[in-house]
Structures are given as C-alpha cells and as structure tokens.
C-alpha cells in the first residue's frame, strides 16, 4: 500500500509539472484586445509617439484611431486605450478614445456666442472671440454651414474653460 501511495504522488507530481510546462500553449493569445482606461500624464506634440496613461507607456502611431469626440485630448484627459500588450508592459495602441468631459484637460464646460475678432491662418491656434482666447486644434469640430468663418463672423463656441481664462474649444459653429 505504501508503494501505491508513493506511485500516485509521483504520478500527480509528473502530471503537474507537465501542465506547468504546457501552460504557454494554453495561454490566451495577445489578440490586440487589451483595454484599459486612465488619465493622460504626458504625450508628444502631434499625438504620435510615446504617451503615458496612468503610468503605462502607450505607443501611438499613424495606424491608431484617435477619437476626440468630446474635445482635444491632452494632459489630464481621461481616455480608453485598446491595443497590443507588449512584454515590457507597454501597449501598442490601435484605438484611443477620449471620454466625455475630457476637454483637453481640466476645466468646466462653457457655451457662448460672440464675434470673431482674431484668428490664425489655417484655423488652428488661438482665436479671439468677444475678447476671450479660444484654443482651436485638430479635435475641434468647426462647422461653416453659412460660409468660411473669418474676422467679424458670429460664432457659437462650446468647450472647456481653463484656469487662465481661455477656452479649449470642442465645437465652433458659424452663425448667420
């Protein structure tokens, strides 16, 4: 009987070692569906390159879909990240989705109407609308239904008020 118990223990141990050795074959593949949510801590100019989201490096290239529906993504924005988890813990992003209320950083939501007093060539940059600085970037939806927006145009501005008084615009709508 004692010999039988030793044989069973040896058999169980061998089976356990075989399972451990085969574990990588049964592991879930890295299928590009790694997802997490967090706050952007740093990102390069132009959006492509290495971002840091909640302490994790996120590699963003031209193939990554960057959705900025709720405003320009910037430091302080809350985002969802989807991509390929790398052995070093970083993520090669396939999709980054700015979440509601990100506003390109801290601030509270504002909406106002005014006359455009100054705007840069090409539309991206700092506008002045009724004396307020309005920051406009690639994530800003600009509607020009009634013709090109220019100095003297009346516009509706939606965005996030910043600590310095400027507004990070999420949408600018030209009016009649």
C-alpha atoms as a PDB file:
ATOM      1  CA  UNK A   1       0.000   0.000   0.000  1.00  0.00           C
ATOM      2  CA  UNK A   2       2.844   2.367   0.860  1.00  0.00           C
ATOM      3  CA  UNK A   3       4.386   1.745  -2.583  1.00  0.00           C
ATOM      4  CA  UNK A   4       0.998   2.502  -4.210  1.00  0.00           C
ATOM      5  CA  UNK A   5       0.759   5.896  -2.435  1.00  0.00           C
ATOM      6  CA  UNK A   6       4.305   6.820  -3.497  1.00  0.00           C
ATOM      7  CA  UNK A   7       3.475   5.907  -7.103  1.00  0.00           C
ATOM      8  CA  UNK A   8       0.297   8.035  -7.017  1.00  0.00           C
ATOM      9  CA  UNK A   9       2.156  11.029  -5.564  1.00  0.00           C
ATOM     10  CA  UNK A  10       4.906  10.672  -8.190  1.00  0.00           C
ATOM     11  CA  UNK A  11       2.286  10.431 -10.947  1.00  0.00           C
ATOM     12  CA  UNK A  12       0.440  13.519  -9.728  1.00  0.00           C
ATOM     13  CA  UNK A  13       3.717  15.458  -9.464  1.00  0.00           C
ATOM     14  CA  UNK A  14       4.687  14.464 -13.023  1.00  0.00           C
ATOM     15  CA  UNK A  15       1.252  15.483 -14.299  1.00  0.00           C
ATOM     16  CA  UNK A  16       1.501  18.873 -12.515  1.00  0.00           C
ATOM     17  CA  UNK A  17       4.962  19.514 -13.994  1.00  0.00           C
ATOM     18  CA  UNK A  18       3.654  18.652 -17.463  1.00  0.00           C
ATOM     19  CA  UNK A  19       0.782  21.135 -17.062  1.00  0.00           C
ATOM     20  CA  UNK A  20       3.183  23.863 -15.955  1.00  0.00           C
ATOM     21  CA  UNK A  21       5.434  23.171 -18.953  1.00  0.00           C
ATOM     22  CA  UNK A  22       2.472  23.294 -21.358  1.00  0.00           C
ATOM     23  CA  UNK A  23       0.872  26.406 -19.805  1.00  0.00           C
ATOM     24  CA  UNK A  24       2.155  28.836 -22.514  1.00  0.00           C
ATOM     25  CA  UNK A  25       0.419  26.701 -25.159  1.00  0.00           C
ATOM     26  CA  UNK A  26      -2.906  27.219 -23.384  1.00  0.00           C
ATOM     27  CA  UNK A  27      -2.412  30.894 -22.526  1.00  0.00           C
ATOM     28  CA  UNK A  28      -4.775  33.408 -24.096  1.00  0.00           C
ATOM     29  CA  UNK A  29      -3.113  34.928 -27.159  1.00  0.00           C
ATOM     30  CA  UNK A  30      -2.332  38.646 -27.302  1.00  0.00           C
ATOM     31  CA  UNK A  31      -5.113  39.379 -29.769  1.00  0.00           C
ATOM     32  CA  UNK A  32      -4.959  43.185 -29.701  1.00  0.00           C
ATOM     33  CA  UNK A  33      -7.916  43.404 -27.352  1.00  0.00           C
ATOM     34  CA  UNK A  34      -6.017  44.631 -24.303  1.00  0.00           C
ATOM     35  CA  UNK A  35      -8.078  47.523 -22.903  1.00  0.00           C
ATOM     36  CA  UNK A  36      -7.683  49.959 -20.052  1.00  0.00           C
ATOM     37  CA  UNK A  37      -8.844  53.427 -19.009  1.00  0.00           C
ATOM     38  CA  UNK A  38      -6.819  56.186 -17.428  1.00  0.00           C
ATOM     39  CA  UNK A  39      -5.646  59.776 -17.322  1.00  0.00           C
ATOM     40  CA  UNK A  40      -3.096  61.072 -19.835  1.00  0.00           C
ATOM     41  CA  UNK A  41       0.033  62.121 -17.939  1.00  0.00           C
ATOM     42  CA  UNK A  42       2.178  63.045 -20.953  1.00  0.00           C
ATOM     43  CA  UNK A  43       2.041  62.929 -24.743  1.00  0.00           C
ATOM     44  CA  UNK A  44       4.165  64.285 -27.600  1.00  0.00           C
ATOM     45  CA  UNK A  45       3.241  67.220 -29.828  1.00  0.00           C
ATOM     46  CA  UNK A  46       1.343  65.931 -32.842  1.00  0.00           C
ATOM     47  CA  UNK A  47      -0.111  62.957 -30.896  1.00  0.00           C
ATOM     48  CA  UNK A  48       2.176  60.281 -32.451  1.00  0.00           C
ATOM     49  CA  UNK A  49       4.850  58.760 -30.236  1.00  0.00           C
ATOM     50  CA  UNK A  50       5.033  57.569 -26.632  1.00  0.00           C
ATOM     51  CA  UNK A  51       2.202  58.625 -24.316  1.00  0.00           C
ATOM     52  CA  UNK A  52       1.987  57.898 -20.606  1.00  0.00           C
ATOM     53  CA  UNK A  53      -1.505  56.946 -19.392  1.00  0.00           C
ATOM     54  CA  UNK A  54      -1.796  56.170 -15.676  1.00  0.00           C
ATOM     55  CA  UNK A  55       1.901  55.281 -15.547  1.00  0.00           C
ATOM     56  CA  UNK A  56       1.791  52.921 -18.541  1.00  0.00           C
ATOM     57  CA  UNK A  57       3.633  53.712 -21.783  1.00  0.00           C
ATOM     58  CA  UNK A  58       1.287  53.746 -24.780  1.00  0.00           C
ATOM     59  CA  UNK A  59       2.927  53.727 -28.221  1.00  0.00           C
ATOM     60  CA  UNK A  60       0.760  55.644 -30.692  1.00  0.00           C
ATOM     61  CA  UNK A  61       1.445  55.524 -34.424  1.00  0.00           C
ATOM     62  CA  UNK A  62      -0.383  56.657 -37.565  1.00  0.00           C
ATOM     63  CA  UNK A  63      -2.343  53.379 -37.609  1.00  0.00           C
ATOM     64  CA  UNK A  64      -4.011  54.123 -34.274  1.00  0.00           C
ATOM     65  CA  UNK A  65      -7.537  55.538 -34.401  1.00  0.00           C
ATOM     66  CA  UNK A  66      -7.671  58.578 -32.105  1.00  0.00           C
ATOM     67  CA  UNK A  67     -11.238  59.620 -31.328  1.00  0.00           C
ATOM     68  CA  UNK A  68     -11.656  63.106 -29.867  1.00  0.00           C
ATOM     69  CA  UNK A  69     -15.445  63.343 -29.898  1.00  0.00           C
ATOM     70  CA  UNK A  70     -15.588  65.217 -26.590  1.00  0.00           C
ATOM     71  CA  UNK A  71     -12.690  67.579 -27.215  1.00  0.00           C
ATOM     72  CA  UNK A  72      -8.981  67.605 -27.900  1.00  0.00           C
ATOM     73  CA  UNK A  73      -7.029  65.010 -25.953  1.00  0.00           C
ATOM     74  CA  UNK A  74      -4.290  66.486 -23.789  1.00  0.00           C
ATOM     75  CA  UNK A  75      -2.555  66.051 -20.453  1.00  0.00           C
ATOM     76  CA  UNK A  76      -5.286  65.458 -17.871  1.00  0.00           C
ATOM     77  CA  UNK A  77      -7.738  63.919 -20.351  1.00  0.00           C
ATOM     78  CA  UNK A  78      -9.472  60.660 -19.430  1.00  0.00           C
ATOM     79  CA  UNK A  79      -9.113  58.085 -22.221  1.00  0.00           C
ATOM     80  CA  UNK A  80      -9.817  54.495 -23.126  1.00  0.00           C
ATOM     81  CA  UNK A  81      -6.900  52.623 -24.729  1.00  0.00           C
ATOM     82  CA  UNK A  82      -7.127  49.451 -26.822  1.00  0.00           C
ATOM     83  CA  UNK A  83      -4.174  47.668 -28.351  1.00  0.00           C
ATOM     84  CA  UNK A  84      -1.462  45.043 -28.183  1.00  0.00           C
ATOM     85  CA  UNK A  85       0.094  44.430 -24.773  1.00  0.00           C
ATOM     86  CA  UNK A  86       3.887  44.183 -25.067  1.00  0.00           C
ATOM     87  CA  UNK A  87       6.191  42.011 -22.918  1.00  0.00           C
ATOM     88  CA  UNK A  88       7.576  45.144 -21.199  1.00  0.00           C
ATOM     89  CA  UNK A  89       4.053  46.191 -20.110  1.00  0.00           C
ATOM     90  CA  UNK A  90       3.653  48.950 -22.695  1.00  0.00           C
ATOM     91  CA  UNK A  91       0.754  48.959 -25.159  1.00  0.00           C
ATOM     92  CA  UNK A  92       0.924  49.452 -28.931  1.00  0.00           C
ATOM     93  CA  UNK A  93      -2.346  51.325 -29.373  1.00  0.00           C
ATOM     94  CA  UNK A  94      -4.859  50.518 -32.089  1.00  0.00           C
ATOM     95  CA  UNK A  95      -7.501  52.873 -30.663  1.00  0.00           C
ATOM     96  CA  UNK A  96      -7.573  55.746 -28.185  1.00  0.00           C
ATOM     97  CA  UNK A  97     -10.953  57.149 -27.263  1.00  0.00           C
ATOM     98  CA  UNK A  98     -11.292  60.439 -25.376  1.00  0.00           C
ATOM     99  CA  UNK A  99     -14.094  60.119 -22.864  1.00  0.00           C
ATOM    100  CA  UNK A 100     -16.871  62.592 -22.039  1.00  0.00           C
ATOM    101  CA  UNK A 101     -15.748  65.652 -20.164  1.00  0.00           C
ATOM    102  CA  UNK A 102     -12.049  65.371 -21.014  1.00  0.00           C
ATOM    103  CA  UNK A 103     -11.971  68.842 -22.585  1.00  0.00           C
ATOM    104  CA  UNK A 104      -8.289  68.560 -23.291  1.00  0.00           C
ATOM    105  CA  UNK A 105      -7.554  68.809 -19.611  1.00  0.00           C
ATOM    106  CA  UNK A 106      -9.097  70.294 -16.505  1.00  0.00           C
ATOM    107  CA  UNK A 107     -11.832  72.889 -16.723  1.00  0.00           C
ATOM    108  CA  UNK A 108     -15.580  73.244 -16.796  1.00  0.00           C
ATOM    109  CA  UNK A 109     -17.919  73.210 -19.777  1.00  0.00           C
ATOM    110  CA  UNK A 110     -18.907  76.560 -21.305  1.00  0.00           C
ATOM    111  CA  UNK A 111     -21.017  77.690 -24.256  1.00  0.00           C
ATOM    112  CA  UNK A 112     -21.166  81.235 -25.570  1.00  0.00           C
ATOM    113  CA  UNK A 113     -21.840  83.316 -28.694  1.00  0.00           C
ATOM    114  CA  UNK A 114     -19.610  86.090 -29.951  1.00  0.00           C
ATOM    115  CA  UNK A 115     -17.894  87.896 -32.803  1.00  0.00           C
ATOM    116  CA  UNK A 116     -14.552  86.602 -34.089  1.00  0.00           C
ATOM    117  CA  UNK A 117     -12.002  89.374 -33.536  1.00  0.00           C
ATOM    118  CA  UNK A 118      -8.838  87.498 -34.499  1.00  0.00           C
ATOM    119  CA  UNK A 119      -7.939  84.079 -35.880  1.00  0.00           C
ATOM    120  CA  UNK A 120      -4.774  82.455 -37.235  1.00  0.00           C
ATOM    121  CA  UNK A 121      -4.225  81.334 -40.818  1.00  0.00           C
ATOM    122  CA  UNK A 122      -5.377  77.744 -41.238  1.00  0.00           C
ATOM    123  CA  UNK A 123      -7.900  77.973 -38.369  1.00  0.00           C
ATOM    124  CA  UNK A 124      -5.822  76.020 -35.770  1.00  0.00           C
ATOM    125  CA  UNK A 125      -4.362  78.048 -32.933  1.00  0.00           C
ATOM    126  CA  UNK A 126      -5.584  80.837 -30.655  1.00  0.00           C
ATOM    127  CA  UNK A 127      -8.724  82.705 -31.747  1.00  0.00           C
ATOM    128  CA  UNK A 128     -10.152  85.756 -30.026  1.00  0.00           C
ATOM    129  CA  UNK A 129     -13.959  85.744 -29.744  1.00  0.00           C
ATOM    130  CA  UNK A 130     -15.505  88.716 -27.902  1.00  0.00           C
ATOM    131  CA  UNK A 131     -12.231  89.278 -26.055  1.00  0.00           C
ATOM    132  CA  UNK A 132     -11.858  85.636 -24.963  1.00  0.00           C
ATOM    133  CA  UNK A 133      -8.980  83.432 -26.130  1.00  0.00           C
ATOM    134  CA  UNK A 134     -10.323  80.261 -27.745  1.00  0.00           C
ATOM    135  CA  UNK A 135      -7.845  77.414 -28.353  1.00  0.00           C
ATOM    136  CA  UNK A 136      -8.683  75.541 -31.566  1.00  0.00           C
ATOM    137  CA  UNK A 137      -6.989  72.303 -32.625  1.00  0.00           C
ATOM    138  CA  UNK A 138      -7.493  69.221 -34.806  1.00  0.00           C
ATOM    139  CA  UNK A 139     -10.005  67.824 -32.294  1.00  0.00           C
ATOM    140  CA  UNK A 140     -12.236  70.904 -32.561  1.00  0.00           C
ATOM    141  CA  UNK A 141     -15.305  70.410 -34.754  1.00  0.00           C
ATOM    142  CA  UNK A 142     -15.661  73.541 -36.909  1.00  0.00           C
ATOM    143  CA  UNK A 143     -18.999  73.962 -38.721  1.00  0.00           C
ATOM    144  CA  UNK A 144     -19.033  76.533 -41.510  1.00  0.00           C
ATOM    145  CA  UNK A 145     -22.560  75.998 -42.845  1.00  0.00           C
ATOM    146  CA  UNK A 146     -23.021  79.667 -43.781  1.00  0.00           C
ATOM    147  CA  UNK A 147     -19.593  80.195 -45.361  1.00  0.00           C
ATOM    148  CA  UNK A 148     -16.000  80.393 -44.173  1.00  0.00           C
ATOM    149  CA  UNK A 149     -15.505  81.745 -40.668  1.00  0.00           C
ATOM    150  CA  UNK A 150     -13.468  84.956 -40.692  1.00  0.00           C
ATOM    151  CA  UNK A 151     -12.893  88.071 -38.586  1.00  0.00           C
ATOM    152  CA  UNK A 152     -16.338  89.598 -37.992  1.00  0.00           C
ATOM    153  CA  UNK A 153     -18.211  86.264 -38.141  1.00  0.00           C
ATOM    154  CA  UNK A 154     -20.659  85.417 -35.370  1.00  0.00           C
ATOM    155  CA  UNK A 155     -19.945  82.013 -33.828  1.00  0.00           C
ATOM    156  CA  UNK A 156     -21.176  79.702 -31.107  1.00  0.00           C
ATOM    157  CA  UNK A 157     -18.290  78.285 -29.046  1.00  0.00           C
ATOM    158  CA  UNK A 158     -18.522  75.129 -26.927  1.00  0.00           C
ATOM    159  CA  UNK A 159     -15.594  73.919 -24.875  1.00  0.00           C
ATOM    160  CA  UNK A 160     -13.833  73.825 -21.542  1.00  0.00           C
ATOM    161  CA  UNK A 161     -12.818  76.905 -19.554  1.00  0.00           C
ATOM    162  CA  UNK A 162      -9.178  76.698 -18.427  1.00  0.00           C
ATOM    163  CA  UNK A 163      -7.558  78.152 -15.312  1.00  0.00           C
ATOM    164  CA  UNK A 164      -6.044  81.009 -17.369  1.00  0.00           C
ATOM    165  CA  UNK A 165      -9.499  82.025 -18.665  1.00  0.00           C
ATOM    166  CA  UNK A 166      -9.017  80.620 -22.163  1.00  0.00           C
ATOM    167  CA  UNK A 167     -11.401  78.051 -23.627  1.00  0.00           C
ATOM    168  CA  UNK A 168     -10.310  74.755 -25.194  1.00  0.00           C
ATOM    169  CA  UNK A 169     -12.925  74.544 -27.953  1.00  0.00           C
ATOM    170  CA  UNK A 170     -14.626  71.249 -28.729  1.00  0.00           C
ATOM    171  CA  UNK A 171     -17.012  72.799 -31.278  1.00  0.00           C
ATOM    172  CA  UNK A 172     -17.303  76.113 -33.118  1.00  0.00           C
ATOM    173  CA  UNK A 173     -20.415  76.738 -35.181  1.00  0.00           C
ATOM    174  CA  UNK A 174     -20.582  79.674 -37.603  1.00  0.00           C
ATOM    175  CA  UNK A 175     -23.904  81.544 -37.425  1.00  0.00           C
ATOM    176  CA  UNK A 176     -25.645  83.965 -39.815  1.00  0.00           C
END
